[in-house]
Amino acid sequence: MLVIVSIVLTSAYYELTEANEICAEGEVKVFFCPEDACADAVISLIDSANESVHVAVYSFTLDSIADALIRAKQRGVDVKVVLESQQVSQYSVYEKLKDAGIDVLLDSNPAYMHDKIAVIDGRIVITGSYNWTKRATNQNNENLVVIYSKKLSEEFEAELEKIYSSAKALA
């Protein structure tokens, strides 16, 4: 039996309001940094969250995305974040998120947790090469993929839960 799967990749030049518009199941949007304002797309999607934002990201130093997570937490959204422990520094948003009451942990795997994943409301996956940093936003050639799929969200959520369940707080 031959099954053909088709996913439409939409060009990345969006108005910010389009990043969190109601999208069809299986729709995929692709952004390329620095020209496509990847941070703004992530912020817009986080700002649209109603239930949950679960994150595992290798490097996270961008205050504007941290602020969006804090706003989500203040709206009553369940926010969980896991960061790569080797990337926590004076520039990391770890302390900012922790001080805001966000459940933020560090990966305990001895290898790098190199993921860049967010699952929003169990139906939107954010992934790609894009780290949540100023350099990735403004200088690097990066990609950000937004997938509107309950099924894929469940798969990514399972991976996030596995990472989260073995993570730990900063000692």
N, C-alpha and C. Protein backbone atom coordinates (compact mmCIF):
# COMPACT_ATOMS: atom_id res chain seq x y z
N MET A 1 0.84 -1.17 0.00
CA MET A 1 0.00 0.00 0.00
C MET A 1 0.89 1.23 0.00
N LEU A 2 0.63 2.16 -0.87
CA LEU A 2 1.40 3.39 -0.99
C LEU A 2 0.63 4.52 -0.33
N VAL A 3 1.29 5.19 0.60
CA VAL A 3 0.68 6.33 1.27
C VAL A 3 1.50 7.56 0.93
N ILE A 4 0.86 8.57 0.49
CA ILE A 4 1.54 9.82 0.14
C ILE A 4 1.16 10.87 1.18
N VAL A 5 2.17 11.45 1.79
CA VAL A 5 1.95 12.49 2.78
C VAL A 5 2.41 13.80 2.18
N SER A 6 1.59 14.79 2.33
CA SER A 6 1.93 16.12 1.80
C SER A 6 1.87 17.14 2.90
N ILE A 7 2.95 17.88 3.05
CA ILE A 7 2.99 18.99 3.99
C ILE A 7 3.33 20.23 3.20
N VAL A 8 2.56 21.26 3.41
CA VAL A 8 2.79 22.50 2.70
C VAL A 8 3.70 23.38 3.55
N LEU A 9 4.85 23.74 3.01
CA LEU A 9 5.74 24.68 3.68
C LEU A 9 5.40 26.06 3.16
N THR A 10 5.06 26.94 4.07
CA THR A 10 4.64 28.28 3.70
C THR A 10 5.82 29.21 3.83
N SER A 11 5.98 30.12 2.91
CA SER A 11 7.07 31.08 2.97
C SER A 11 7.03 31.84 4.28
N ALA A 12 8.17 32.30 4.71
CA ALA A 12 8.31 32.81 6.06
C ALA A 12 8.05 34.29 6.23
N TYR A 13 7.65 34.99 5.23
CA TYR A 13 7.46 36.43 5.38
C TYR A 13 6.06 36.74 5.88
N TYR A 14 5.89 36.80 7.19
CA TYR A 14 4.59 36.96 7.81
C TYR A 14 4.52 38.25 8.60
N GLU A 15 3.34 38.77 8.67
CA GLU A 15 3.06 39.78 9.69
C GLU A 15 3.03 39.03 11.02
N LEU A 16 3.34 39.69 12.11
CA LEU A 16 3.35 39.01 13.40
C LEU A 16 2.01 38.39 13.73
N THR A 17 0.92 39.04 13.36
CA THR A 17 -0.38 38.49 13.68
C THR A 17 -0.61 37.17 12.98
N GLU A 18 0.08 36.90 11.90
CA GLU A 18 -0.09 35.64 11.18
C GLU A 18 0.62 34.49 11.87
N ALA A 19 1.59 34.76 12.72
CA ALA A 19 2.34 33.68 13.37
C ALA A 19 1.43 32.86 14.28
N ASN A 20 0.42 33.49 14.89
CA ASN A 20 -0.44 32.76 15.80
C ASN A 20 -1.88 32.68 15.32
N GLU A 21 -2.12 32.88 14.04
CA GLU A 21 -3.46 32.76 13.50
C GLU A 21 -3.94 31.31 13.61
N ILE A 22 -5.24 31.12 13.49
CA ILE A 22 -5.78 29.77 13.50
C ILE A 22 -5.31 29.08 12.22
N CYS A 23 -4.62 27.97 12.40
CA CYS A 23 -4.05 27.27 11.25
C CYS A 23 -4.64 25.87 11.17
N ALA A 24 -4.66 25.35 9.98
CA ALA A 24 -5.19 24.01 9.75
C ALA A 24 -4.26 22.97 10.35
N GLU A 25 -4.85 21.87 10.79
CA GLU A 25 -4.07 20.74 11.29
C GLU A 25 -3.07 20.32 10.20
N GLY A 26 -1.82 20.17 10.58
CA GLY A 26 -0.79 19.76 9.65
C GLY A 26 -0.10 20.89 8.92
N GLU A 27 -0.56 22.12 9.12
CA GLU A 27 0.11 23.24 8.45
C GLU A 27 1.48 23.47 9.09
N VAL A 28 2.43 23.85 8.26
CA VAL A 28 3.79 24.12 8.71
C VAL A 28 4.20 25.50 8.22
N LYS A 29 4.80 26.28 9.11
CA LYS A 29 5.35 27.58 8.72
C LYS A 29 6.85 27.55 8.99
N VAL A 30 7.60 28.15 8.09
CA VAL A 30 9.05 28.15 8.20
C VAL A 30 9.54 29.60 8.23
N PHE A 31 10.42 29.89 9.17
CA PHE A 31 11.03 31.20 9.30
C PHE A 31 12.53 31.03 9.19
N PHE A 32 13.21 32.01 8.59
CA PHE A 32 14.67 31.99 8.50
C PHE A 32 15.21 33.27 9.11
N CYS A 33 16.11 33.09 10.06
CA CYS A 33 16.74 34.23 10.72
C CYS A 33 18.01 34.56 9.96
N PRO A 34 18.40 35.79 9.96
CA PRO A 34 17.79 36.88 10.73
C PRO A 34 16.64 37.60 10.02
N GLU A 35 16.40 37.34 8.76
CA GLU A 35 15.47 38.17 7.99
C GLU A 35 14.00 38.01 8.38
N ASP A 36 13.61 36.92 9.03
CA ASP A 36 12.20 36.68 9.30
C ASP A 36 11.75 36.91 10.74
N ALA A 37 12.53 37.56 11.54
CA ALA A 37 12.12 37.91 12.91
C ALA A 37 11.65 36.67 13.69
N CYS A 38 12.53 35.71 13.81
CA CYS A 38 12.20 34.47 14.51
C CYS A 38 11.74 34.71 15.95
N ALA A 39 12.40 35.59 16.65
CA ALA A 39 12.02 35.86 18.04
C ALA A 39 10.59 36.38 18.11
N ASP A 40 10.23 37.27 17.20
CA ASP A 40 8.87 37.82 17.20
C ASP A 40 7.84 36.72 16.95
N ALA A 41 8.15 35.77 16.09
CA ALA A 41 7.24 34.65 15.85
C ALA A 41 7.06 33.82 17.12
N VAL A 42 8.16 33.51 17.81
CA VAL A 42 8.09 32.73 19.06
C VAL A 42 7.28 33.49 20.10
N ILE A 43 7.54 34.78 20.24
CA ILE A 43 6.82 35.60 21.22
C ILE A 43 5.33 35.63 20.91
N SER A 44 4.98 35.81 19.66
CA SER A 44 3.58 35.84 19.26
C SER A 44 2.88 34.53 19.60
N LEU A 45 3.55 33.42 19.35
CA LEU A 45 2.95 32.12 19.66
C LEU A 45 2.81 31.91 21.16
N ILE A 46 3.82 32.29 21.93
CA ILE A 46 3.73 32.18 23.39
C ILE A 46 2.61 33.08 23.91
N ASP A 47 2.51 34.28 23.37
CA ASP A 47 1.46 35.21 23.80
C ASP A 47 0.06 34.69 23.47
N SER A 48 -0.05 33.77 22.52
CA SER A 48 -1.35 33.20 22.17
C SER A 48 -1.71 31.98 23.02
N ALA A 49 -0.79 31.49 23.84
CA ALA A 49 -1.02 30.28 24.63
C ALA A 49 -2.12 30.49 25.65
N ASN A 50 -2.96 29.48 25.78
CA ASN A 50 -4.05 29.52 26.76
C ASN A 50 -3.89 28.48 27.87
N GLU A 51 -3.20 27.38 27.57
CA GLU A 51 -3.11 26.28 28.53
C GLU A 51 -1.69 25.96 28.97
N SER A 52 -0.79 25.80 28.00
CA SER A 52 0.55 25.34 28.36
C SER A 52 1.60 25.79 27.34
N VAL A 53 2.80 26.01 27.86
CA VAL A 53 3.99 26.24 27.05
C VAL A 53 5.10 25.43 27.71
N HIS A 54 5.53 24.37 27.04
CA HIS A 54 6.59 23.51 27.56
C HIS A 54 7.78 23.61 26.62
N VAL A 55 8.97 23.85 27.20
CA VAL A 55 10.15 24.23 26.43
C VAL A 55 11.36 23.41 26.84
N ALA A 56 12.16 23.03 25.86
CA ALA A 56 13.53 22.54 26.09
C ALA A 56 14.37 23.24 25.04
N VAL A 57 15.32 24.05 25.51
CA VAL A 57 16.13 24.82 24.56
C VAL A 57 17.58 24.85 25.04
N TYR A 58 18.47 24.66 24.09
CA TYR A 58 19.90 24.58 24.38
C TYR A 58 20.44 25.89 24.96
N SER A 59 20.26 26.98 24.25
CA SER A 59 20.79 28.27 24.71
C SER A 59 19.66 29.29 24.71
N PHE A 60 19.47 29.96 25.84
CA PHE A 60 18.34 30.87 26.01
C PHE A 60 18.82 32.10 26.78
N THR A 61 19.06 33.18 26.04
CA THR A 61 19.53 34.43 26.64
C THR A 61 18.65 35.62 26.27
N LEU A 62 17.63 35.41 25.47
CA LEU A 62 16.83 36.51 24.93
C LEU A 62 15.73 36.91 25.91
N ASP A 63 15.88 38.09 26.50
CA ASP A 63 14.93 38.59 27.49
C ASP A 63 13.51 38.72 26.94
N SER A 64 13.37 39.09 25.68
CA SER A 64 12.03 39.31 25.13
C SER A 64 11.22 38.01 25.11
N ILE A 65 11.85 36.88 24.83
CA ILE A 65 11.12 35.61 24.88
C ILE A 65 10.88 35.20 26.33
N ALA A 66 11.84 35.45 27.21
CA ALA A 66 11.64 35.18 28.64
C ALA A 66 10.45 35.99 29.16
N ASP A 67 10.35 37.24 28.74
CA ASP A 67 9.23 38.10 29.16
C ASP A 67 7.90 37.53 28.68
N ALA A 68 7.87 36.96 27.48
CA ALA A 68 6.63 36.34 26.97
C ALA A 68 6.25 35.13 27.82
N LEU A 69 7.24 34.33 28.22
CA LEU A 69 6.96 33.19 29.10
C LEU A 69 6.44 33.66 30.45
N ILE A 70 7.00 34.73 30.97
CA ILE A 70 6.54 35.28 32.24
C ILE A 70 5.10 35.78 32.12
N ARG A 71 4.79 36.48 31.02
CA ARG A 71 3.40 36.92 30.79
C ARG A 71 2.45 35.73 30.73
N ALA A 72 2.89 34.66 30.07
CA ALA A 72 2.06 33.45 29.98
C ALA A 72 1.81 32.89 31.37
N LYS A 73 2.85 32.79 32.17
CA LYS A 73 2.72 32.30 33.55
C LYS A 73 1.74 33.17 34.33
N GLN A 74 1.83 34.48 34.17
CA GLN A 74 0.94 35.41 34.87
C GLN A 74 -0.52 35.26 34.43
N ARG A 75 -0.74 34.78 33.19
CA ARG A 75 -2.10 34.53 32.70
C ARG A 75 -2.65 33.20 33.18
N GLY A 76 -1.83 32.43 33.90
CA GLY A 76 -2.27 31.14 34.39
C GLY A 76 -1.91 29.97 33.49
N VAL A 77 -1.08 30.21 32.49
CA VAL A 77 -0.62 29.16 31.58
C VAL A 77 0.44 28.32 32.31
N ASP A 78 0.39 27.00 32.13
CA ASP A 78 1.39 26.10 32.68
C ASP A 78 2.68 26.25 31.87
N VAL A 79 3.72 26.79 32.48
CA VAL A 79 4.99 27.02 31.79
C VAL A 79 6.08 26.18 32.45
N LYS A 80 6.73 25.35 31.65
CA LYS A 80 7.86 24.53 32.10
C LYS A 80 8.99 24.75 31.11
N VAL A 81 10.21 24.89 31.65
CA VAL A 81 11.38 25.12 30.81
C VAL A 81 12.52 24.24 31.28
N VAL A 82 13.22 23.60 30.33
CA VAL A 82 14.45 22.89 30.62
C VAL A 82 15.54 23.51 29.76
N LEU A 83 16.66 23.85 30.39
CA LEU A 83 17.81 24.44 29.71
C LEU A 83 19.00 23.49 29.80
N GLU A 84 19.88 23.60 28.83
CA GLU A 84 21.14 22.86 28.89
C GLU A 84 21.98 23.45 30.02
N SER A 85 22.40 22.63 30.96
CA SER A 85 23.13 23.11 32.13
C SER A 85 24.44 23.81 31.77
N GLN A 86 25.10 23.36 30.69
CA GLN A 86 26.37 23.96 30.29
C GLN A 86 26.19 25.37 29.70
N GLN A 87 24.96 25.76 29.41
CA GLN A 87 24.70 27.06 28.80
C GLN A 87 24.20 28.11 29.80
N VAL A 88 24.06 27.73 31.06
CA VAL A 88 23.62 28.69 32.07
C VAL A 88 24.81 29.54 32.47
N SER A 89 24.64 30.85 32.30
CA SER A 89 25.71 31.80 32.62
C SER A 89 25.06 33.10 33.08
N GLN A 90 25.86 34.12 33.23
CA GLN A 90 25.31 35.43 33.62
C GLN A 90 24.38 35.99 32.55
N TYR A 91 24.46 35.48 31.33
CA TYR A 91 23.63 35.96 30.23
C TYR A 91 22.34 35.16 30.07
N SER A 92 22.30 34.00 30.68
CA SER A 92 21.15 33.11 30.57
C SER A 92 19.94 33.72 31.28
N VAL A 93 18.75 33.33 30.85
CA VAL A 93 17.51 33.82 31.48
C VAL A 93 17.08 32.90 32.63
N TYR A 94 17.91 31.95 33.01
CA TYR A 94 17.55 30.99 34.05
C TYR A 94 17.05 31.70 35.31
N GLU A 95 17.85 32.59 35.86
CA GLU A 95 17.47 33.27 37.11
C GLU A 95 16.23 34.12 36.93
N LYS A 96 16.11 34.79 35.80
CA LYS A 96 14.94 35.63 35.53
C LYS A 96 13.67 34.79 35.54
N LEU A 97 13.70 33.64 34.89
CA LEU A 97 12.53 32.77 34.85
C LEU A 97 12.24 32.20 36.24
N LYS A 98 13.28 31.77 36.92
CA LYS A 98 13.12 31.21 38.27
C LYS A 98 12.52 32.25 39.22
N ASP A 99 13.04 33.48 39.15
CA ASP A 99 12.53 34.56 40.01
C ASP A 99 11.07 34.89 39.73
N ALA A 100 10.62 34.62 38.51
CA ALA A 100 9.23 34.89 38.12
C ALA A 100 8.30 33.72 38.48
N GLY A 101 8.86 32.69 39.10
CA GLY A 101 8.05 31.56 39.52
C GLY A 101 7.82 30.51 38.45
N ILE A 102 8.59 30.59 37.39
CA ILE A 102 8.47 29.60 36.33
C ILE A 102 9.24 28.35 36.72
N ASP A 103 8.67 27.22 36.41
CA ASP A 103 9.30 25.93 36.67
C ASP A 103 10.40 25.74 35.64
N VAL A 104 11.63 26.09 36.00
CA VAL A 104 12.76 26.01 35.08
C VAL A 104 13.82 25.09 35.69
N LEU A 105 14.21 24.09 34.92
CA LEU A 105 15.18 23.10 35.37
C LEU A 105 16.33 23.00 34.39
N LEU A 106 17.38 22.30 34.81
CA LEU A 106 18.55 22.09 33.97
C LEU A 106 18.64 20.63 33.58
N ASP A 107 18.99 20.38 32.34
CA ASP A 107 19.13 19.02 31.86
C ASP A 107 20.22 18.32 32.65
N SER A 108 19.96 17.08 33.03
CA SER A 108 20.94 16.33 33.82
C SER A 108 21.69 15.29 32.99
N ASN A 109 21.38 15.19 31.73
CA ASN A 109 22.06 14.26 30.83
C ASN A 109 23.52 14.70 30.70
N PRO A 110 24.50 13.79 30.80
CA PRO A 110 25.90 14.19 30.67
C PRO A 110 26.25 14.70 29.26
N ALA A 111 25.47 14.32 28.27
CA ALA A 111 25.66 14.84 26.92
C ALA A 111 24.87 16.14 26.79
N TYR A 112 25.17 16.92 25.76
CA TYR A 112 24.42 18.15 25.54
C TYR A 112 22.96 17.87 25.22
N MET A 113 22.06 18.62 25.85
CA MET A 113 20.66 18.63 25.47
C MET A 113 20.57 19.74 24.42
N HIS A 114 20.65 19.36 23.17
CA HIS A 114 20.79 20.33 22.08
C HIS A 114 19.44 20.66 21.43
N ASP A 115 18.36 20.24 22.06
CA ASP A 115 17.02 20.49 21.52
C ASP A 115 16.68 21.98 21.51
N LYS A 116 15.81 22.31 20.60
CA LYS A 116 15.17 23.62 20.55
C LYS A 116 13.71 23.32 20.27
N ILE A 117 12.94 23.09 21.34
CA ILE A 117 11.56 22.64 21.21
C ILE A 117 10.67 23.46 22.14
N ALA A 118 9.50 23.81 21.64
CA ALA A 118 8.42 24.30 22.49
C ALA A 118 7.14 23.66 21.98
N VAL A 119 6.28 23.27 22.91
CA VAL A 119 4.95 22.78 22.56
C VAL A 119 3.96 23.69 23.26
N ILE A 120 3.06 24.24 22.46
CA ILE A 120 2.08 25.21 22.97
C ILE A 120 0.68 24.62 22.88
N ASP A 121 0.01 24.61 24.02
CA ASP A 121 -1.39 24.16 24.11
C ASP A 121 -1.63 22.79 23.51
N GLY A 122 -0.59 21.95 23.47
CA GLY A 122 -0.74 20.59 22.98
C GLY A 122 -1.12 20.49 21.52
N ARG A 123 -0.87 21.59 20.75
CA ARG A 123 -1.25 21.55 19.34
C ARG A 123 -0.27 22.26 18.41
N ILE A 124 0.69 22.99 18.98
CA ILE A 124 1.66 23.72 18.17
C ILE A 124 3.06 23.33 18.62
N VAL A 125 3.91 22.95 17.66
CA VAL A 125 5.31 22.63 17.94
C VAL A 125 6.17 23.71 17.31
N ILE A 126 7.11 24.22 18.09
CA ILE A 126 8.14 25.13 17.59
C ILE A 126 9.45 24.36 17.68
N THR A 127 10.19 24.28 16.58
CA THR A 127 11.46 23.56 16.57
C THR A 127 12.35 24.17 15.49
N GLY A 128 13.50 23.60 15.27
CA GLY A 128 14.44 24.08 14.27
C GLY A 128 15.80 24.31 14.88
N SER A 129 16.67 24.98 14.17
CA SER A 129 18.03 25.23 14.66
C SER A 129 18.10 26.45 15.58
N TYR A 130 17.04 27.23 15.61
CA TYR A 130 17.03 28.53 16.29
C TYR A 130 17.13 28.41 17.81
N ASN A 131 18.27 28.85 18.38
CA ASN A 131 18.40 29.04 19.81
C ASN A 131 17.77 30.38 20.16
N TRP A 132 17.31 30.52 21.37
CA TRP A 132 16.61 31.73 21.77
C TRP A 132 17.61 32.75 22.32
N THR A 133 18.45 33.25 21.39
CA THR A 133 19.53 34.18 21.73
C THR A 133 19.53 35.37 20.77
N LYS A 134 20.18 36.43 21.19
CA LYS A 134 20.32 37.62 20.35
C LYS A 134 21.12 37.30 19.08
N ARG A 135 22.19 36.56 19.23
CA ARG A 135 23.03 36.21 18.07
C ARG A 135 22.24 35.39 17.06
N ALA A 136 21.47 34.39 17.53
CA ALA A 136 20.67 33.58 16.62
C ALA A 136 19.59 34.42 15.94
N THR A 137 19.08 35.40 16.66
CA THR A 137 18.02 36.25 16.13
C THR A 137 18.54 37.25 15.10
N ASN A 138 19.72 37.82 15.37
CA ASN A 138 20.19 38.96 14.56
C ASN A 138 21.36 38.67 13.64
N GLN A 139 22.10 37.58 13.86
CA GLN A 139 23.32 37.36 13.09
C GLN A 139 23.40 36.02 12.39
N ASN A 140 23.01 34.96 13.07
CA ASN A 140 23.20 33.62 12.50
C ASN A 140 22.20 33.32 11.40
N ASN A 141 22.57 32.40 10.54
CA ASN A 141 21.60 31.80 9.63
C ASN A 141 20.95 30.66 10.41
N GLU A 142 19.68 30.83 10.72
CA GLU A 142 18.93 29.88 11.54
C GLU A 142 17.60 29.57 10.88
N ASN A 143 16.96 28.50 11.33
CA ASN A 143 15.61 28.23 10.88
C ASN A 143 14.72 27.94 12.08
N LEU A 144 13.47 28.29 11.92
CA LEU A 144 12.45 28.06 12.93
C LEU A 144 11.26 27.44 12.21
N VAL A 145 10.82 26.30 12.68
CA VAL A 145 9.71 25.59 12.05
C VAL A 145 8.57 25.53 13.05
N VAL A 146 7.39 25.96 12.63
CA VAL A 146 6.19 25.92 13.45
C VAL A 146 5.24 24.93 12.81
N ILE A 147 4.87 23.90 13.58
CA ILE A 147 4.03 22.82 13.08
C ILE A 147 2.73 22.82 13.87
N TYR A 148 1.63 22.90 13.17
CA TYR A 148 0.31 22.86 13.79
C TYR A 148 -0.22 21.44 13.66
N SER A 149 0.00 20.64 14.71
CA SER A 149 -0.39 19.23 14.65
C SER A 149 -0.54 18.68 16.06
N LYS A 150 -1.73 18.23 16.38
CA LYS A 150 -1.95 17.62 17.69
C LYS A 150 -1.12 16.34 17.82
N LYS A 151 -1.08 15.53 16.78
CA LYS A 151 -0.33 14.27 16.84
C LYS A 151 1.17 14.53 17.05
N LEU A 152 1.76 15.41 16.26
CA LEU A 152 3.19 15.70 16.45
C LEU A 152 3.44 16.39 17.78
N SER A 153 2.51 17.22 18.21
CA SER A 153 2.65 17.86 19.53
C SER A 153 2.72 16.81 20.62
N GLU A 154 1.91 15.77 20.51
CA GLU A 154 1.94 14.69 21.51
C GLU A 154 3.30 13.99 21.52
N GLU A 155 3.88 13.77 20.34
CA GLU A 155 5.19 13.13 20.27
C GLU A 155 6.29 14.01 20.86
N PHE A 156 6.26 15.29 20.52
CA PHE A 156 7.25 16.21 21.09
C PHE A 156 7.02 16.38 22.59
N GLU A 157 5.78 16.42 23.02
CA GLU A 157 5.47 16.55 24.45
C GLU A 157 6.01 15.35 25.23
N ALA A 158 5.92 14.16 24.66
CA ALA A 158 6.46 12.97 25.32
C ALA A 158 7.97 13.09 25.49
N GLU A 159 8.65 13.60 24.48
CA GLU A 159 10.10 13.81 24.57
C GLU A 159 10.42 14.88 25.61
N LEU A 160 9.66 15.96 25.61
CA LEU A 160 9.87 17.01 26.61
C LEU A 160 9.66 16.46 28.02
N GLU A 161 8.65 15.64 28.21
CA GLU A 161 8.38 15.07 29.53
C GLU A 161 9.54 14.18 29.97
N LYS A 162 10.11 13.43 29.04
CA LYS A 162 11.26 12.58 29.36
C LYS A 162 12.45 13.44 29.80
N ILE A 163 12.71 14.51 29.10
CA ILE A 163 13.81 15.42 29.44
C ILE A 163 13.51 16.08 30.79
N TYR A 164 12.28 16.55 30.95
CA TYR A 164 11.89 17.28 32.16
C TYR A 164 11.96 16.37 33.40
N SER A 165 11.52 15.13 33.25
CA SER A 165 11.47 14.22 34.42
C SER A 165 12.85 13.89 34.96
N SER A 166 13.89 14.02 34.14
CA SER A 166 15.25 13.73 34.65
C SER A 166 16.03 15.01 34.92
N ALA A 167 15.44 16.16 34.65
CA ALA A 167 16.14 17.45 34.88
C ALA A 167 16.15 17.79 36.36
N LYS A 168 16.96 18.78 36.71
CA LYS A 168 17.10 19.17 38.11
C LYS A 168 17.23 20.68 38.22
N ALA A 169 16.99 21.19 39.42
CA ALA A 169 17.15 22.62 39.69
C ALA A 169 18.64 22.93 39.86
N LEU A 170 18.99 24.18 39.64
CA LEU A 170 20.36 24.63 39.85
C LEU A 170 20.70 24.50 41.33
N ALA A 171 21.84 23.87 41.62
CA ALA A 171 22.24 23.64 43.02
C ALA A 171 22.79 24.91 43.64
